[in-house]
Amino acid sequence: MWQRIKTFFKDSETIAWARAQAFIGTAANLITFVDPNLVTAVIPVEYARLIAVYMLLSGLATEYLRRRRAEDL
């Protein structure tokens, strides 16, 4: 089981972190679009959407840059 998880992330902690960021960003986008009142108690909705988009784009960019740098992946 552990080997399958490591293979999914290409034996890279950076890629695992990038995919976690992308997942969190996507989940945050869904939450703010479905019911924005869930996050208004903590942060304003317009900032929540910006943060969610940033997390998604940051995760995608991180994985792209990591794969571009390493020839063995």
PDB file of N, CA and C in Angstrom:
ATOM      1  N   MET A   1       0.813  -1.190   0.000  1.00  0.00           N
ATOM      2  CA  MET A   1       0.000   0.000   0.000  1.00  0.00           C
ATOM      3  C   MET A   1       0.863   1.262   0.000  1.00  0.00           C
ATOM      4  N   TRP A   2       1.877   1.302   0.868  1.00  0.00           N
ATOM      5  CA  TRP A   2       2.744   2.471   0.947  1.00  0.00           C
ATOM      6  C   TRP A   2       3.475   2.694  -0.366  1.00  0.00           C
ATOM      7  N   GLN A   3       3.888   1.611  -1.016  1.00  0.00           N
ATOM      8  CA  GLN A   3       4.589   1.748  -2.298  1.00  0.00           C
ATOM      9  C   GLN A   3       3.673   2.350  -3.368  1.00  0.00           C
ATOM     10  N   ARG A   4       2.397   1.986  -3.349  1.00  0.00           N
ATOM     11  CA  ARG A   4       1.448   2.553  -4.312  1.00  0.00           C
ATOM     12  C   ARG A   4       1.267   4.052  -4.071  1.00  0.00           C
ATOM     13  N   ILE A   5       1.251   4.457  -2.819  1.00  0.00           N
ATOM     14  CA  ILE A   5       1.129   5.879  -2.494  1.00  0.00           C
ATOM     15  C   ILE A   5       2.369   6.622  -2.961  1.00  0.00           C
ATOM     16  N   LYS A   6       3.544   6.072  -2.681  1.00  0.00           N
ATOM     17  CA  LYS A   6       4.784   6.703  -3.121  1.00  0.00           C
ATOM     18  C   LYS A   6       4.855   6.786  -4.635  1.00  0.00           C
ATOM     19  N   THR A   7       4.386   5.746  -5.326  1.00  0.00           N
ATOM     20  CA  THR A   7       4.399   5.755  -6.785  1.00  0.00           C
ATOM     21  C   THR A   7       3.450   6.819  -7.326  1.00  0.00           C
ATOM     22  N   PHE A   8       2.290   7.001  -6.687  1.00  0.00           N
ATOM     23  CA  PHE A   8       1.331   8.011  -7.124  1.00  0.00           C
ATOM     24  C   PHE A   8       1.937   9.406  -7.061  1.00  0.00           C
ATOM     25  N   PHE A   9       2.768   9.652  -6.055  1.00  0.00           N
ATOM     26  CA  PHE A   9       3.410  10.954  -5.905  1.00  0.00           C
ATOM     27  C   PHE A   9       4.807  10.990  -6.504  1.00  0.00           C
ATOM     28  N   LYS A  10       5.154  10.005  -7.312  1.00  0.00           N
ATOM     29  CA  LYS A  10       6.442   9.958  -8.022  1.00  0.00           C
ATOM     30  C   LYS A  10       7.632  10.029  -7.071  1.00  0.00           C
ATOM     31  N   ASP A  11       7.502   9.474  -5.865  1.00  0.00           N
ATOM     32  CA  ASP A  11       8.540   9.480  -4.834  1.00  0.00           C
ATOM     33  C   ASP A  11       9.041  10.890  -4.527  1.00  0.00           C
ATOM     34  N   SER A  12       8.156  11.854  -4.540  1.00  0.00           N
ATOM     35  CA  SER A  12       8.542  13.247  -4.320  1.00  0.00           C
ATOM     36  C   SER A  12       7.597  13.894  -3.309  1.00  0.00           C
ATOM     37  N   GLU A  13       8.164  14.407  -2.230  1.00  0.00           N
ATOM     38  CA  GLU A  13       7.368  15.105  -1.237  1.00  0.00           C
ATOM     39  C   GLU A  13       6.849  16.422  -1.791  1.00  0.00           C
ATOM     40  N   THR A  14       7.613  17.040  -2.680  1.00  0.00           N
ATOM     41  CA  THR A  14       7.189  18.298  -3.279  1.00  0.00           C
ATOM     42  C   THR A  14       5.940  18.110  -4.124  1.00  0.00           C
ATOM     43  N   ILE A  15       5.894  17.029  -4.890  1.00  0.00           N
ATOM     44  CA  ILE A  15       4.719  16.753  -5.705  1.00  0.00           C
ATOM     45  C   ILE A  15       3.532  16.421  -4.795  1.00  0.00           C
ATOM     46  N   ALA A  16       3.765  15.721  -3.704  1.00  0.00           N
ATOM     47  CA  ALA A  16       2.686  15.432  -2.757  1.00  0.00           C
ATOM     48  C   ALA A  16       2.129  16.736  -2.178  1.00  0.00           C
ATOM     49  N   TRP A  17       3.017  17.656  -1.807  1.00  0.00           N
ATOM     50  CA  TRP A  17       2.583  18.944  -1.272  1.00  0.00           C
ATOM     51  C   TRP A  17       1.832  19.753  -2.335  1.00  0.00           C
ATOM     52  N   ALA A  18       2.301  19.724  -3.569  1.00  0.00           N
ATOM     53  CA  ALA A  18       1.639  20.453  -4.652  1.00  0.00           C
ATOM     54  C   ALA A  18       0.233  19.911  -4.889  1.00  0.00           C
ATOM     55  N   ARG A  19       0.080  18.599  -4.884  1.00  0.00           N
ATOM     56  CA  ARG A  19      -1.246  18.015  -5.089  1.00  0.00           C
ATOM     57  C   ARG A  19      -2.162  18.301  -3.909  1.00  0.00           C
ATOM     58  N   ALA A  20      -1.602  18.357  -2.692  1.00  0.00           N
ATOM     59  CA  ALA A  20      -2.416  18.721  -1.520  1.00  0.00           C
ATOM     60  C   ALA A  20      -2.903  20.161  -1.644  1.00  0.00           C
ATOM     61  N   GLN A  21      -2.029  21.069  -2.091  1.00  0.00           N
ATOM     62  CA  GLN A  21      -2.423  22.459  -2.298  1.00  0.00           C
ATOM     63  C   GLN A  21      -3.523  22.565  -3.349  1.00  0.00           C
ATOM     64  N   ALA A  22      -3.360  21.860  -4.450  1.00  0.00           N
ATOM     65  CA  ALA A  22      -4.356  21.905  -5.514  1.00  0.00           C
ATOM     66  C   ALA A  22      -5.697  21.356  -5.010  1.00  0.00           C
ATOM     67  N   PHE A  23      -5.659  20.282  -4.239  1.00  0.00           N
ATOM     68  CA  PHE A  23      -6.890  19.713  -3.694  1.00  0.00           C
ATOM     69  C   PHE A  23      -7.568  20.679  -2.722  1.00  0.00           C
ATOM     70  N   ILE A  24      -6.799  21.281  -1.836  1.00  0.00           N
ATOM     71  CA  ILE A  24      -7.358  22.231  -0.872  1.00  0.00           C
ATOM     72  C   ILE A  24      -7.929  23.450  -1.596  1.00  0.00           C
ATOM     73  N   GLY A  25      -7.223  23.929  -2.616  1.00  0.00           N
ATOM     74  CA  GLY A  25      -7.723  25.060  -3.390  1.00  0.00           C
ATOM     75  C   GLY A  25      -9.022  24.739  -4.102  1.00  0.00           C
ATOM     76  N   THR A  26      -9.118  23.537  -4.677  1.00  0.00           N
ATOM     77  CA  THR A  26     -10.354  23.128  -5.351  1.00  0.00           C
ATOM     78  C   THR A  26     -11.495  22.996  -4.352  1.00  0.00           C
ATOM     79  N   ALA A  27     -11.229  22.388  -3.206  1.00  0.00           N
ATOM     80  CA  ALA A  27     -12.264  22.241  -2.179  1.00  0.00           C
ATOM     81  C   ALA A  27     -12.719  23.608  -1.662  1.00  0.00           C
ATOM     82  N   ALA A  28     -11.776  24.512  -1.465  1.00  0.00           N
ATOM     83  CA  ALA A  28     -12.138  25.854  -0.999  1.00  0.00           C
ATOM     84  C   ALA A  28     -12.962  26.593  -2.046  1.00  0.00           C
ATOM     85  N   ASN A  29     -12.616  26.425  -3.322  1.00  0.00           N
ATOM     86  CA  ASN A  29     -13.418  27.034  -4.389  1.00  0.00           C
ATOM     87  C   ASN A  29     -14.844  26.514  -4.363  1.00  0.00           C
ATOM     88  N   LEU A  30     -14.994  25.215  -4.221  1.00  0.00           N
ATOM     89  CA  LEU A  30     -16.334  24.631  -4.184  1.00  0.00           C
ATOM     90  C   LEU A  30     -17.132  25.146  -2.995  1.00  0.00           C
ATOM     91  N   ILE A  31     -16.495  25.216  -1.842  1.00  0.00           N
ATOM     92  CA  ILE A  31     -17.190  25.688  -0.637  1.00  0.00           C
ATOM     93  C   ILE A  31     -17.634  27.138  -0.793  1.00  0.00           C
ATOM     94  N   THR A  32     -16.746  27.995  -1.326  1.00  0.00           N
ATOM     95  CA  THR A  32     -17.116  29.408  -1.446  1.00  0.00           C
ATOM     96  C   THR A  32     -18.166  29.654  -2.522  1.00  0.00           C
ATOM     97  N   PHE A  33     -18.235  28.791  -3.531  1.00  0.00           N
ATOM     98  CA  PHE A  33     -19.265  28.966  -4.551  1.00  0.00           C
ATOM     99  C   PHE A  33     -20.596  28.341  -4.149  1.00  0.00           C
ATOM    100  N   VAL A  34     -20.548  27.225  -3.447  1.00  0.00           N
ATOM    101  CA  VAL A  34     -21.782  26.559  -3.040  1.00  0.00           C
ATOM    102  C   VAL A  34     -22.475  27.331  -1.920  1.00  0.00           C
ATOM    103  N   ASP A  35     -21.746  27.639  -0.866  1.00  0.00           N
ATOM    104  CA  ASP A  35     -22.334  28.370   0.262  1.00  0.00           C
ATOM    105  C   ASP A  35     -21.294  29.329   0.842  1.00  0.00           C
ATOM    106  N   PRO A  36     -21.236  30.549   0.343  1.00  0.00           N
ATOM    107  CA  PRO A  36     -20.233  31.512   0.818  1.00  0.00           C
ATOM    108  C   PRO A  36     -20.383  31.869   2.291  1.00  0.00           C
ATOM    109  N   ASN A  37     -21.561  31.661   2.862  1.00  0.00           N
ATOM    110  CA  ASN A  37     -21.774  32.006   4.270  1.00  0.00           C
ATOM    111  C   ASN A  37     -20.975  31.128   5.220  1.00  0.00           C
ATOM    112  N   LEU A  38     -20.449  30.012   4.738  1.00  0.00           N
ATOM    113  CA  LEU A  38     -19.643  29.144   5.607  1.00  0.00           C
ATOM    114  C   LEU A  38     -18.325  29.795   6.003  1.00  0.00           C
ATOM    115  N   VAL A  39     -17.801  30.665   5.160  1.00  0.00           N
ATOM    116  CA  VAL A  39     -16.501  31.267   5.455  1.00  0.00           C
ATOM    117  C   VAL A  39     -16.577  32.741   5.848  1.00  0.00           C
ATOM    118  N   THR A  40     -17.748  33.350   5.753  1.00  0.00           N
ATOM    119  CA  THR A  40     -17.847  34.784   6.052  1.00  0.00           C
ATOM    120  C   THR A  40     -17.568  35.112   7.517  1.00  0.00           C
ATOM    121  N   ALA A  41     -17.732  34.165   8.398  1.00  0.00           N
ATOM    122  CA  ALA A  41     -17.429  34.421   9.807  1.00  0.00           C
ATOM    123  C   ALA A  41     -15.926  34.544  10.034  1.00  0.00           C
ATOM    124  N   VAL A  42     -15.146  33.919   9.180  1.00  0.00           N
ATOM    125  CA  VAL A  42     -13.697  33.933   9.346  1.00  0.00           C
ATOM    126  C   VAL A  42     -13.042  34.998   8.478  1.00  0.00           C
ATOM    127  N   ILE A  43     -13.356  34.980   7.189  1.00  0.00           N
ATOM    128  CA  ILE A  43     -12.789  35.954   6.249  1.00  0.00           C
ATOM    129  C   ILE A  43     -13.863  36.379   5.253  1.00  0.00           C
ATOM    130  N   PRO A  44     -13.736  37.567   4.694  1.00  0.00           N
ATOM    131  CA  PRO A  44     -14.707  37.998   3.682  1.00  0.00           C
ATOM    132  C   PRO A  44     -14.680  37.076   2.455  1.00  0.00           C
ATOM    133  N   VAL A  45     -15.818  36.941   1.802  1.00  0.00           N
ATOM    134  CA  VAL A  45     -15.960  35.995   0.693  1.00  0.00           C
ATOM    135  C   VAL A  45     -15.011  36.324  -0.448  1.00  0.00           C
ATOM    136  N   GLU A  46     -14.846  37.605  -0.785  1.00  0.00           N
ATOM    137  CA  GLU A  46     -13.978  37.943  -1.914  1.00  0.00           C
ATOM    138  C   GLU A  46     -12.528  37.540  -1.656  1.00  0.00           C
ATOM    139  N   TYR A  47     -12.085  37.621  -0.407  1.00  0.00           N
ATOM    140  CA  TYR A  47     -10.740  37.171  -0.082  1.00  0.00           C
ATOM    141  C   TYR A  47     -10.652  35.651  -0.069  1.00  0.00           C
ATOM    142  N   ALA A  48     -11.707  35.006   0.371  1.00  0.00           N
ATOM    143  CA  ALA A  48     -11.716  33.541   0.386  1.00  0.00           C
ATOM    144  C   ALA A  48     -11.585  32.994  -1.024  1.00  0.00           C
ATOM    145  N   ARG A  49     -12.265  33.596  -1.973  1.00  0.00           N
ATOM    146  CA  ARG A  49     -12.160  33.144  -3.360  1.00  0.00           C
ATOM    147  C   ARG A  49     -10.767  33.384  -3.915  1.00  0.00           C
ATOM    148  N   LEU A  50     -10.168  34.524  -3.588  1.00  0.00           N
ATOM    149  CA  LEU A  50      -8.803  34.793  -4.047  1.00  0.00           C
ATOM    150  C   LEU A  50      -7.810  33.791  -3.467  1.00  0.00           C
ATOM    151  N   ILE A  51      -7.963  33.495  -2.189  1.00  0.00           N
ATOM    152  CA  ILE A  51      -7.079  32.530  -1.542  1.00  0.00           C
ATOM    153  C   ILE A  51      -7.258  31.149  -2.154  1.00  0.00           C
ATOM    154  N   ALA A  52      -8.498  30.770  -2.426  1.00  0.00           N
ATOM    155  CA  ALA A  52      -8.767  29.463  -3.018  1.00  0.00           C
ATOM    156  C   ALA A  52      -8.157  29.345  -4.409  1.00  0.00           C
ATOM    157  N   VAL A  53      -8.291  30.379  -5.211  1.00  0.00           N
ATOM    158  CA  VAL A  53      -7.697  30.361  -6.553  1.00  0.00           C
ATOM    159  C   VAL A  53      -6.177  30.338  -6.447  1.00  0.00           C
ATOM    160  N   TYR A  54      -5.622  31.117  -5.520  1.00  0.00           N
ATOM    161  CA  TYR A  54      -4.175  31.119  -5.321  1.00  0.00           C
ATOM    162  C   TYR A  54      -3.665  29.730  -4.937  1.00  0.00           C
ATOM    163  N   MET A  55      -4.355  29.056  -4.022  1.00  0.00           N
ATOM    164  CA  MET A  55      -3.929  27.717  -3.597  1.00  0.00           C
ATOM    165  C   MET A  55      -3.940  26.741  -4.770  1.00  0.00           C
ATOM    166  N   LEU A  56      -4.978  26.800  -5.586  1.00  0.00           N
ATOM    167  CA  LEU A  56      -5.071  25.916  -6.745  1.00  0.00           C
ATOM    168  C   LEU A  56      -3.944  26.193  -7.727  1.00  0.00           C
ATOM    169  N   LEU A  57      -3.740  27.445  -8.087  1.00  0.00           N
ATOM    170  CA  LEU A  57      -2.693  27.791  -9.048  1.00  0.00           C
ATOM    171  C   LEU A  57      -1.297  27.523  -8.486  1.00  0.00           C
ATOM    172  N   SER A  58      -1.116  27.748  -7.203  1.00  0.00           N
ATOM    173  CA  SER A  58       0.180  27.477  -6.580  1.00  0.00           C
ATOM    174  C   SER A  58       0.505  25.987  -6.616  1.00  0.00           C
ATOM    175  N   GLY A  59      -0.483  25.159  -6.337  1.00  0.00           N
ATOM    176  CA  GLY A  59      -0.263  23.716  -6.393  1.00  0.00           C
ATOM    177  C   GLY A  59       0.077  23.244  -7.789  1.00  0.00           C
ATOM    178  N   LEU A  60      -0.651  23.745  -8.783  1.00  0.00           N
ATOM    179  CA  LEU A  60      -0.373  23.355 -10.164  1.00  0.00           C
ATOM    180  C   LEU A  60       1.010  23.835 -10.612  1.00  0.00           C
ATOM    181  N   ALA A  61       1.355  25.068 -10.270  1.00  0.00           N
ATOM    182  CA  ALA A  61       2.660  25.602 -10.645  1.00  0.00           C
ATOM    183  C   ALA A  61       3.790  24.858  -9.943  1.00  0.00           C
ATOM    184  N   THR A  62       3.603  24.518  -8.682  1.00  0.00           N
ATOM    185  CA  THR A  62       4.639  23.797  -7.946  1.00  0.00           C
ATOM    186  C   THR A  62       4.914  22.436  -8.568  1.00  0.00           C
ATOM    187  N   GLU A  63       3.864  21.711  -8.902  1.00  0.00           N
ATOM    188  CA  GLU A  63       4.081  20.395  -9.511  1.00  0.00           C
ATOM    189  C   GLU A  63       4.732  20.529 -10.881  1.00  0.00           C
ATOM    190  N   TYR A  64       4.304  21.489 -11.669  1.00  0.00           N
ATOM    191  CA  TYR A  64       4.906  21.685 -12.988  1.00  0.00           C
ATOM    192  C   TYR A  64       6.390  22.003 -12.864  1.00  0.00           C
ATOM    193  N   LEU A  65       6.730  22.923 -11.974  1.00  0.00           N
ATOM    194  CA  LEU A  65       8.138  23.305 -11.824  1.00  0.00           C
ATOM    195  C   LEU A  65       8.977  22.159 -11.277  1.00  0.00           C
ATOM    196  N   ARG A  66       8.427  21.351 -10.393  1.00  0.00           N
ATOM    197  CA  ARG A  66       9.173  20.209  -9.856  1.00  0.00           C
ATOM    198  C   ARG A  66       9.428  19.175 -10.943  1.00  0.00           C
ATOM    199  N   ARG A  67       8.435  18.900 -11.746  1.00  0.00           N
ATOM    200  CA  ARG A  67       8.618  17.921 -12.825  1.00  0.00           C
ATOM    201  C   ARG A  67       9.573  18.440 -13.895  1.00  0.00           C
ATOM    202  N   ARG A  68       9.552  19.732 -14.146  1.00  0.00           N
ATOM    203  CA  ARG A  68      10.427  20.302 -15.162  1.00  0.00           C
ATOM    204  C   ARG A  68      11.887  20.252 -14.725  1.00  0.00           C
ATOM    205  N   ARG A  69      12.118  20.372 -13.452  1.00  0.00           N
ATOM    206  CA  ARG A  69      13.477  20.417 -12.901  1.00  0.00           C
ATOM    207  C   ARG A  69      14.133  19.043 -12.875  1.00  0.00           C
ATOM    208  N   ALA A  70      13.396  18.009 -12.542  1.00  0.00           N
ATOM    209  CA  ALA A  70      13.972  16.671 -12.371  1.00  0.00           C
ATOM    210  C   ALA A  70      13.789  15.850 -13.645  1.00  0.00           C
ATOM    211  N   GLU A  71      14.882  15.417 -14.217  1.00  0.00           N
ATOM    212  CA  GLU A  71      14.798  14.602 -15.436  1.00  0.00           C
ATOM    213  C   GLU A  71      14.354  13.185 -15.158  1.00  0.00           C
ATOM    214  N   ASP A  72      14.555  12.692 -13.929  1.00  0.00           N
ATOM    215  CA  ASP A  72      14.212  11.295 -13.623  1.00  0.00           C
ATOM    216  C   ASP A  72      12.732  11.091 -13.348  1.00  0.00           C
ATOM    217  N   LEU A  73      11.931  12.161 -13.264  1.00  0.00           N
ATOM    218  CA  LEU A  73      10.497  12.013 -13.024  1.00  0.00           C
ATOM    219  C   LEU A  73       9.814  12.129 -14.324  1.00  0.00           C
TER     220      LEU A  73
END
